[in-house]
Amino acid sequence: MYSSEEHSHIFNALLSSAPAIVGVKDVFGRYLVVNDQYSRLFGSELSSFIGNTAADLLPQDLVDTIQQDDLEVIMTGKNVVVEQSVMVNNDKRTFLTIKFPIRDADNNVFATGVIATDITERKRIEIALEQANQELEQKVHEISMLKEELYKQTIRDPLTTLFNRRYLDDALEREMRNADKEGAPLSLVLIDLDNFKKSINDKHGHPFGDQVLKNFADLLKSQMAPRQLVGRLGGEEFMLLLPHTNAQQAFELTEKLRHQYENMAHLHEGEAVYNTFSAGIAEYPKDADTLRAFIKVGDDALYATKDAGRNCTIISSNKS
């Protein structure tokens, strides 16, 4: 068995050797015990703490927090765990502080204990990891956006932003399968802007021609219903892909577009320039039962508009 003196020596050695900051205060906030780490943290002698309060020794902004936490421990009889930042030799240090009630034999709180561990390096690592994670998330987002943009570039016409031929070929095949599955008609509309090279590009220049193409693309997009697709095949050729739409319904929509377009003024150097289009319509599976045949029927209907004088819409008379 150890004597009281030996117990006291062991206790003091424990306080001095502990890597954490340790202190005990009475219910009035007066220090009863502090270890070397505590005194070194605030640059004061051990003896200067005993009998004094935090208000006598520490900066006021820190005192307010300490007193508030001490009061909570005394009033509730429960532990309080907080992170506190303290300036030490012009260096901001962060401590994980645990405050707890100390009770007498009758279970009454007569003092508060405090154990504080310096977690500055851990917090710095956590902050660095958080910043790294945020940067990584940003990079992942940027890569995702880039992939999306690259994908759009592979399926979109850069001038008009309509779907390009590559996408339309896949979409046409897909919609034909859907039409078979749903037992619904699918209409294909092939459109060619009339005399575009001669009356627009050669006469007014390619920049103006590009603007006319964009104007036409905007018109087409504005009239498309859900599931209806519009794309640019190249040059002045366009395609409409209309699921659940028979040839007559496609004709009515195309004629509406044709009248809107022929009355659309394209301004060039203060002058209103007008253009028209011709269109051929094919219906699946009524007019064709294969992808290649479906496109050919639409092409043939479009070609027939030339003999009809252009600026018109012709429905294929083919029967599969």
Protein backbone atom coordinates (compact mmCIF):
# COMPACT_ATOMS: atom_id res chain seq x y z
CA MET A 1 0.00 0.00 0.00
CA TYR A 2 1.11 3.51 -0.75
CA SER A 3 1.19 6.23 1.88
CA SER A 4 -0.76 9.45 1.44
CA GLU A 5 2.51 11.17 0.54
CA GLU A 6 3.25 8.56 -2.10
CA HIS A 7 -0.27 8.86 -3.50
CA SER A 8 0.18 12.63 -3.72
CA HIS A 9 3.52 12.15 -5.48
CA ILE A 10 1.99 9.76 -8.01
CA PHE A 11 -0.93 12.14 -8.64
CA ASN A 12 1.41 15.09 -9.21
CA ALA A 13 3.59 12.97 -11.51
CA LEU A 14 0.49 11.99 -13.46
CA LEU A 15 -0.53 15.62 -13.88
CA SER A 16 2.95 16.69 -14.94
CA SER A 17 3.41 13.81 -17.37
CA ALA A 18 -0.01 13.91 -18.98
CA PRO A 19 0.19 15.05 -22.63
CA ALA A 20 -3.18 16.76 -22.22
CA ILE A 21 -4.07 19.96 -20.42
CA VAL A 22 -5.68 19.15 -17.08
CA GLY A 23 -7.37 21.47 -14.58
CA VAL A 24 -9.92 21.53 -11.76
CA LYS A 25 -12.04 24.51 -10.66
CA ASP A 26 -14.53 24.95 -7.85
CA VAL A 27 -18.11 25.96 -8.53
CA PHE A 28 -17.08 29.63 -8.36
CA GLY A 29 -14.61 29.15 -11.18
CA ARG A 30 -11.47 29.33 -9.01
CA TYR A 31 -8.63 27.05 -10.03
CA LEU A 32 -7.86 24.27 -7.58
CA VAL A 33 -5.47 22.24 -9.71
CA VAL A 34 -3.70 22.76 -13.05
CA ASN A 35 -0.86 20.82 -14.60
CA ASP A 36 2.30 22.06 -16.31
CA GLN A 37 0.70 21.84 -19.75
CA TYR A 38 -2.04 24.20 -18.64
CA SER A 39 0.33 26.81 -17.28
CA ARG A 40 2.65 26.60 -20.30
CA LEU A 41 -0.27 27.07 -22.66
CA PHE A 42 -1.08 30.46 -21.15
CA GLY A 43 2.48 31.42 -20.23
CA SER A 44 1.89 31.69 -16.48
CA GLU A 45 3.37 30.05 -13.44
CA LEU A 46 1.42 27.19 -11.85
CA SER A 47 1.08 29.11 -8.62
CA SER A 48 -0.57 32.06 -10.35
CA PHE A 49 -3.59 29.93 -11.25
CA ILE A 50 -4.45 28.53 -7.84
CA GLY A 51 -7.25 30.51 -6.22
CA ASN A 52 -7.78 32.73 -9.24
CA THR A 53 -10.43 32.56 -11.96
CA ALA A 54 -10.13 32.54 -15.72
CA ALA A 55 -11.17 36.21 -15.69
CA ASP A 56 -8.06 37.04 -13.64
CA LEU A 57 -5.64 35.36 -16.07
CA LEU A 58 -7.01 34.83 -19.56
CA PRO A 59 -8.20 36.96 -22.54
CA GLN A 60 -11.80 38.12 -22.20
CA ASP A 61 -13.05 36.47 -25.41
CA LEU A 62 -11.81 33.11 -24.11
CA VAL A 63 -13.12 33.80 -20.59
CA ASP A 64 -16.71 34.19 -21.82
CA THR A 65 -16.66 30.77 -23.48
CA ILE A 66 -14.96 29.07 -20.53
CA GLN A 67 -17.41 30.48 -17.99
CA GLN A 68 -20.41 29.56 -20.14
CA ASP A 69 -19.21 25.95 -20.47
CA ASP A 70 -18.36 25.71 -16.76
CA LEU A 71 -21.82 26.94 -15.83
CA GLU A 72 -23.46 24.36 -18.10
CA VAL A 73 -21.51 21.54 -16.39
CA ILE A 74 -22.48 22.77 -12.92
CA MET A 75 -26.15 23.36 -13.78
CA THR A 76 -26.77 20.17 -15.75
CA GLY A 77 -24.29 17.84 -14.10
CA LYS A 78 -23.35 16.57 -17.53
CA ASN A 79 -20.19 16.52 -19.58
CA VAL A 80 -19.56 19.26 -22.14
CA VAL A 81 -17.38 18.56 -25.17
CA VAL A 82 -16.26 21.51 -27.29
CA GLU A 83 -13.56 22.52 -29.72
CA GLN A 84 -11.78 25.70 -28.72
CA SER A 85 -9.23 27.82 -30.54
CA VAL A 86 -6.49 29.59 -28.57
CA MET A 87 -3.68 31.86 -29.77
CA VAL A 88 -0.36 30.50 -28.50
CA ASN A 89 2.73 32.55 -29.40
CA ASN A 90 0.86 34.01 -32.40
CA ASP A 91 -0.08 30.50 -33.51
CA LYS A 92 -3.74 29.50 -33.54
CA ARG A 93 -4.10 26.15 -31.77
CA THR A 94 -7.27 24.05 -31.63
CA PHE A 95 -8.14 21.94 -28.59
CA LEU A 96 -10.72 19.24 -28.03
CA THR A 97 -11.94 20.10 -24.53
CA ILE A 98 -13.92 17.82 -22.27
CA LYS A 99 -15.43 19.39 -19.13
CA PHE A 100 -17.04 17.17 -16.54
CA PRO A 101 -18.64 17.46 -13.09
CA ILE A 102 -16.74 16.29 -10.00
CA ARG A 103 -19.04 15.08 -7.26
CA ASP A 104 -18.68 14.60 -3.49
CA ALA A 105 -19.81 11.59 -1.47
CA ASP A 106 -23.39 12.93 -1.54
CA ASN A 107 -23.31 13.15 -5.35
CA ASN A 108 -23.29 16.95 -5.31
CA VAL A 109 -21.18 18.78 -7.86
CA PHE A 110 -18.46 20.67 -6.03
CA ALA A 111 -15.98 21.20 -8.87
CA THR A 112 -15.50 20.97 -12.63
CA GLY A 113 -12.70 19.13 -14.31
CA VAL A 114 -11.21 19.90 -17.71
CA ILE A 115 -9.07 17.81 -20.03
CA ALA A 116 -8.01 19.44 -23.28
CA THR A 117 -6.06 17.79 -26.09
CA ASP A 118 -4.26 19.74 -28.80
CA ILE A 119 -5.84 18.62 -32.09
CA THR A 120 -4.40 21.41 -34.22
CA GLU A 121 -2.54 19.11 -36.61
CA ARG A 122 -5.52 16.82 -36.91
CA LYS A 123 -7.76 19.78 -37.74
CA ARG A 124 -5.28 21.04 -40.30
CA ILE A 125 -5.24 17.61 -41.91
CA GLU A 126 -9.05 17.49 -41.82
CA ILE A 127 -9.26 20.92 -43.43
CA ALA A 128 -6.68 19.94 -46.03
CA LEU A 129 -8.61 16.73 -46.76
CA GLU A 130 -11.87 18.65 -46.99
CA GLN A 131 -10.31 21.12 -49.40
CA ALA A 132 -8.84 18.24 -51.40
CA ASN A 133 -12.25 16.54 -51.47
CA GLN A 134 -13.92 19.74 -52.63
CA GLU A 135 -11.30 20.19 -55.34
CA LEU A 136 -11.75 16.55 -56.35
CA GLU A 137 -15.53 16.95 -56.48
CA GLN A 138 -15.07 20.06 -58.60
CA LYS A 139 -12.74 18.18 -60.94
CA VAL A 140 -15.19 15.27 -61.17
CA HIS A 141 -17.98 17.76 -61.93
CA GLU A 142 -15.85 19.44 -64.59
CA ILE A 143 -14.98 16.08 -66.14
CA SER A 144 -18.65 15.08 -66.09
CA MET A 145 -19.62 18.36 -67.75
CA LEU A 146 -16.83 17.94 -70.29
CA LYS A 147 -17.97 14.39 -71.09
CA GLU A 148 -21.52 15.65 -71.50
CA GLU A 149 -20.32 18.46 -73.74
CA LEU A 150 -18.19 16.09 -75.81
CA TYR A 151 -21.15 13.73 -76.15
CA LYS A 152 -23.35 16.63 -77.28
CA GLN A 153 -20.74 17.51 -79.87
CA THR A 154 -20.93 13.97 -81.27
CA ILE A 155 -24.72 14.09 -81.68
CA ARG A 156 -25.39 17.77 -82.37
CA ASP A 157 -24.91 19.93 -85.41
CA PRO A 158 -22.59 22.75 -84.25
CA LEU A 159 -24.31 25.47 -86.28
CA THR A 160 -27.96 24.84 -85.48
CA THR A 161 -27.57 22.64 -82.33
CA LEU A 162 -30.07 20.24 -83.91
CA PHE A 163 -29.36 16.52 -83.82
CA ASN A 164 -26.91 15.44 -86.51
CA ARG A 165 -27.12 12.61 -89.03
CA ARG A 166 -25.26 10.18 -86.75
CA TYR A 167 -27.83 10.60 -84.00
CA LEU A 168 -30.77 10.59 -86.39
CA ASP A 169 -29.71 7.29 -87.97
CA ASP A 170 -29.70 5.66 -84.53
CA ALA A 171 -32.92 7.38 -83.51
CA LEU A 172 -34.69 6.30 -86.70
CA GLU A 173 -33.80 2.67 -86.12
CA ARG A 174 -34.87 2.93 -82.47
CA GLU A 175 -38.20 4.59 -83.29
CA MET A 176 -38.97 1.95 -85.92
CA ARG A 177 -38.56 -0.73 -83.25
CA ASN A 178 -40.82 1.28 -80.93
CA ALA A 179 -43.42 1.59 -83.68
CA ASP A 180 -43.41 -2.19 -84.12
CA LYS A 181 -43.74 -2.73 -80.38
CA GLU A 182 -46.48 -0.11 -79.92
CA GLY A 183 -48.35 -0.81 -83.14
CA ALA A 184 -48.30 2.91 -83.96
CA PRO A 185 -47.38 4.78 -87.15
CA LEU A 186 -44.07 6.58 -87.53
CA SER A 187 -43.64 9.38 -90.04
CA LEU A 188 -40.42 10.59 -91.60
CA VAL A 189 -40.25 14.09 -93.10
CA LEU A 190 -37.25 15.02 -95.25
CA ILE A 191 -36.89 18.75 -95.91
CA ASP A 192 -34.76 20.66 -98.40
CA LEU A 193 -34.52 24.46 -98.45
CA ASP A 194 -35.32 25.57 -101.99
CA ASN A 195 -32.50 26.99 -104.17
CA PHE A 196 -30.56 27.71 -101.02
CA LYS A 197 -27.11 27.84 -102.57
CA LYS A 198 -28.07 30.16 -105.42
CA SER A 199 -30.60 32.44 -103.74
CA ILE A 200 -29.02 32.66 -100.29
CA ASN A 201 -25.35 31.64 -100.07
CA ASP A 202 -24.15 32.81 -103.50
CA LYS A 203 -26.24 35.97 -103.49
CA HIS A 204 -25.86 37.12 -99.89
CA GLY A 205 -22.84 35.23 -98.55
CA HIS A 206 -22.28 32.22 -96.36
CA PRO A 207 -22.49 34.07 -93.00
CA PHE A 208 -26.01 35.16 -93.89
CA GLY A 209 -26.77 31.65 -95.11
CA ASP A 210 -25.71 30.29 -91.72
CA GLN A 211 -28.10 32.71 -90.03
CA VAL A 212 -30.97 31.55 -92.26
CA LEU A 213 -30.21 27.93 -91.33
CA LYS A 214 -30.27 28.82 -87.65
CA ASN A 215 -33.55 30.72 -88.07
CA PHE A 216 -35.09 27.70 -89.76
CA ALA A 217 -33.77 25.36 -87.07
CA ASP A 218 -35.33 27.57 -84.38
CA LEU A 219 -38.66 27.44 -86.19
CA LEU A 220 -38.56 23.63 -86.36
CA LYS A 221 -37.63 23.30 -82.69
CA SER A 222 -40.45 25.60 -81.63
CA GLN A 223 -43.07 23.35 -83.25
CA MET A 224 -41.90 19.94 -82.05
CA ALA A 225 -43.97 18.03 -79.50
CA PRO A 226 -42.50 15.62 -76.92
CA ARG A 227 -40.84 12.57 -78.56
CA GLN A 228 -40.76 14.35 -81.92
CA LEU A 229 -37.20 14.76 -83.19
CA VAL A 230 -35.72 17.30 -85.55
CA GLY A 231 -32.24 17.21 -87.02
CA ARG A 232 -29.97 18.56 -89.71
CA LEU A 233 -28.71 15.97 -92.18
CA GLY A 234 -26.18 18.38 -93.66
CA GLY A 235 -26.15 21.48 -95.85
CA GLU A 236 -29.73 22.68 -96.23
CA GLU A 237 -31.30 19.25 -95.60
CA PHE A 238 -33.31 18.51 -92.47
CA MET A 239 -35.30 15.62 -91.01
CA LEU A 240 -38.35 15.35 -88.78
CA LEU A 241 -39.02 12.07 -87.01
CA LEU A 242 -42.60 11.89 -85.75
CA PRO A 243 -43.64 8.88 -83.60
CA HIS A 244 -47.36 8.10 -83.25
CA THR A 245 -48.00 10.26 -86.32
CA ASN A 246 -49.44 9.08 -89.62
CA ALA A 247 -48.57 10.60 -92.99
CA GLN A 248 -51.61 12.88 -93.08
CA GLN A 249 -50.87 14.28 -89.64
CA ALA A 250 -47.24 14.77 -90.65
CA PHE A 251 -48.41 16.56 -93.80
CA GLU A 252 -50.52 19.00 -91.78
CA LEU A 253 -47.62 19.80 -89.46
CA THR A 254 -45.18 20.18 -92.36
CA GLU A 255 -47.51 22.44 -94.28
CA LYS A 256 -47.93 24.63 -91.22
CA LEU A 257 -44.14 24.89 -90.99
CA ARG A 258 -43.83 25.57 -94.73
CA HIS A 259 -46.24 28.49 -94.62
CA GLN A 260 -44.52 29.91 -91.55
CA TYR A 261 -41.12 29.65 -93.19
CA GLU A 262 -42.07 31.18 -96.53
CA ASN A 263 -43.40 34.20 -94.63
CA MET A 264 -40.35 34.47 -92.37
CA ALA A 265 -38.25 37.56 -93.14
CA HIS A 266 -34.47 37.14 -92.83
CA LEU A 267 -32.90 40.58 -92.59
CA HIS A 268 -29.73 41.22 -94.56
CA GLU A 269 -28.29 44.73 -94.59
CA GLY A 270 -31.75 46.16 -93.96
CA GLU A 271 -33.37 44.05 -96.67
CA ALA A 272 -35.94 41.32 -95.98
CA VAL A 273 -34.94 38.07 -97.67
CA TYR A 274 -37.36 35.17 -98.03
CA ASN A 275 -36.92 31.48 -98.76
CA THR A 276 -39.08 28.36 -99.08
CA PHE A 277 -38.69 24.63 -98.57
CA SER A 278 -39.89 21.38 -100.04
CA ALA A 279 -40.65 18.22 -98.10
CA GLY A 280 -41.24 14.53 -98.70
CA ILE A 281 -43.11 12.30 -96.24
CA ALA A 282 -42.96 8.55 -95.68
CA GLU A 283 -44.91 6.48 -93.15
CA TYR A 284 -43.70 3.34 -91.41
CA PRO A 285 -44.70 0.53 -91.74
CA LYS A 286 -47.24 1.56 -94.36
CA ASP A 287 -44.66 2.65 -96.97
CA ALA A 288 -41.65 0.48 -96.08
CA ASP A 289 -40.63 -2.33 -93.74
CA THR A 290 -36.85 -1.76 -93.50
CA LEU A 291 -34.71 1.17 -92.48
CA ARG A 292 -33.08 1.61 -95.88
CA ALA A 293 -36.39 1.34 -97.71
CA PHE A 294 -38.03 3.81 -95.33
CA ILE A 295 -35.39 6.45 -96.03
CA LYS A 296 -35.54 5.81 -99.79
CA VAL A 297 -39.31 6.28 -99.84
CA GLY A 298 -38.88 9.62 -98.07
CA ASP A 299 -36.12 10.62 -100.50
CA ASP A 300 -38.29 9.72 -103.47
CA ALA A 301 -41.15 11.83 -102.12
CA LEU A 302 -38.76 14.77 -101.63
CA TYR A 303 -37.36 14.34 -105.13
CA ALA A 304 -40.90 14.47 -106.52
CA THR A 305 -41.28 18.02 -105.21
CA LYS A 306 -38.75 19.21 -107.79
CA ASP A 307 -41.04 18.07 -110.62
CA ALA A 308 -43.91 19.73 -108.76
CA GLY A 309 -42.13 23.10 -108.80
CA ARG A 310 -40.76 23.05 -105.23
CA ASN A 311 -42.23 24.90 -102.24
CA CYS A 312 -44.60 22.03 -101.53
CA THR A 313 -45.05 18.88 -99.46
CA ILE A 314 -45.61 15.46 -101.02
CA ILE A 315 -46.71 12.28 -99.25
CA SER A 316 -45.27 9.07 -100.62
CA SER A 317 -47.70 6.91 -102.58
CA ASN A 318 -45.56 3.82 -101.99
CA LYS A 319 -47.10 0.78 -100.34
CA SER A 320 -44.83 -1.78 -98.65
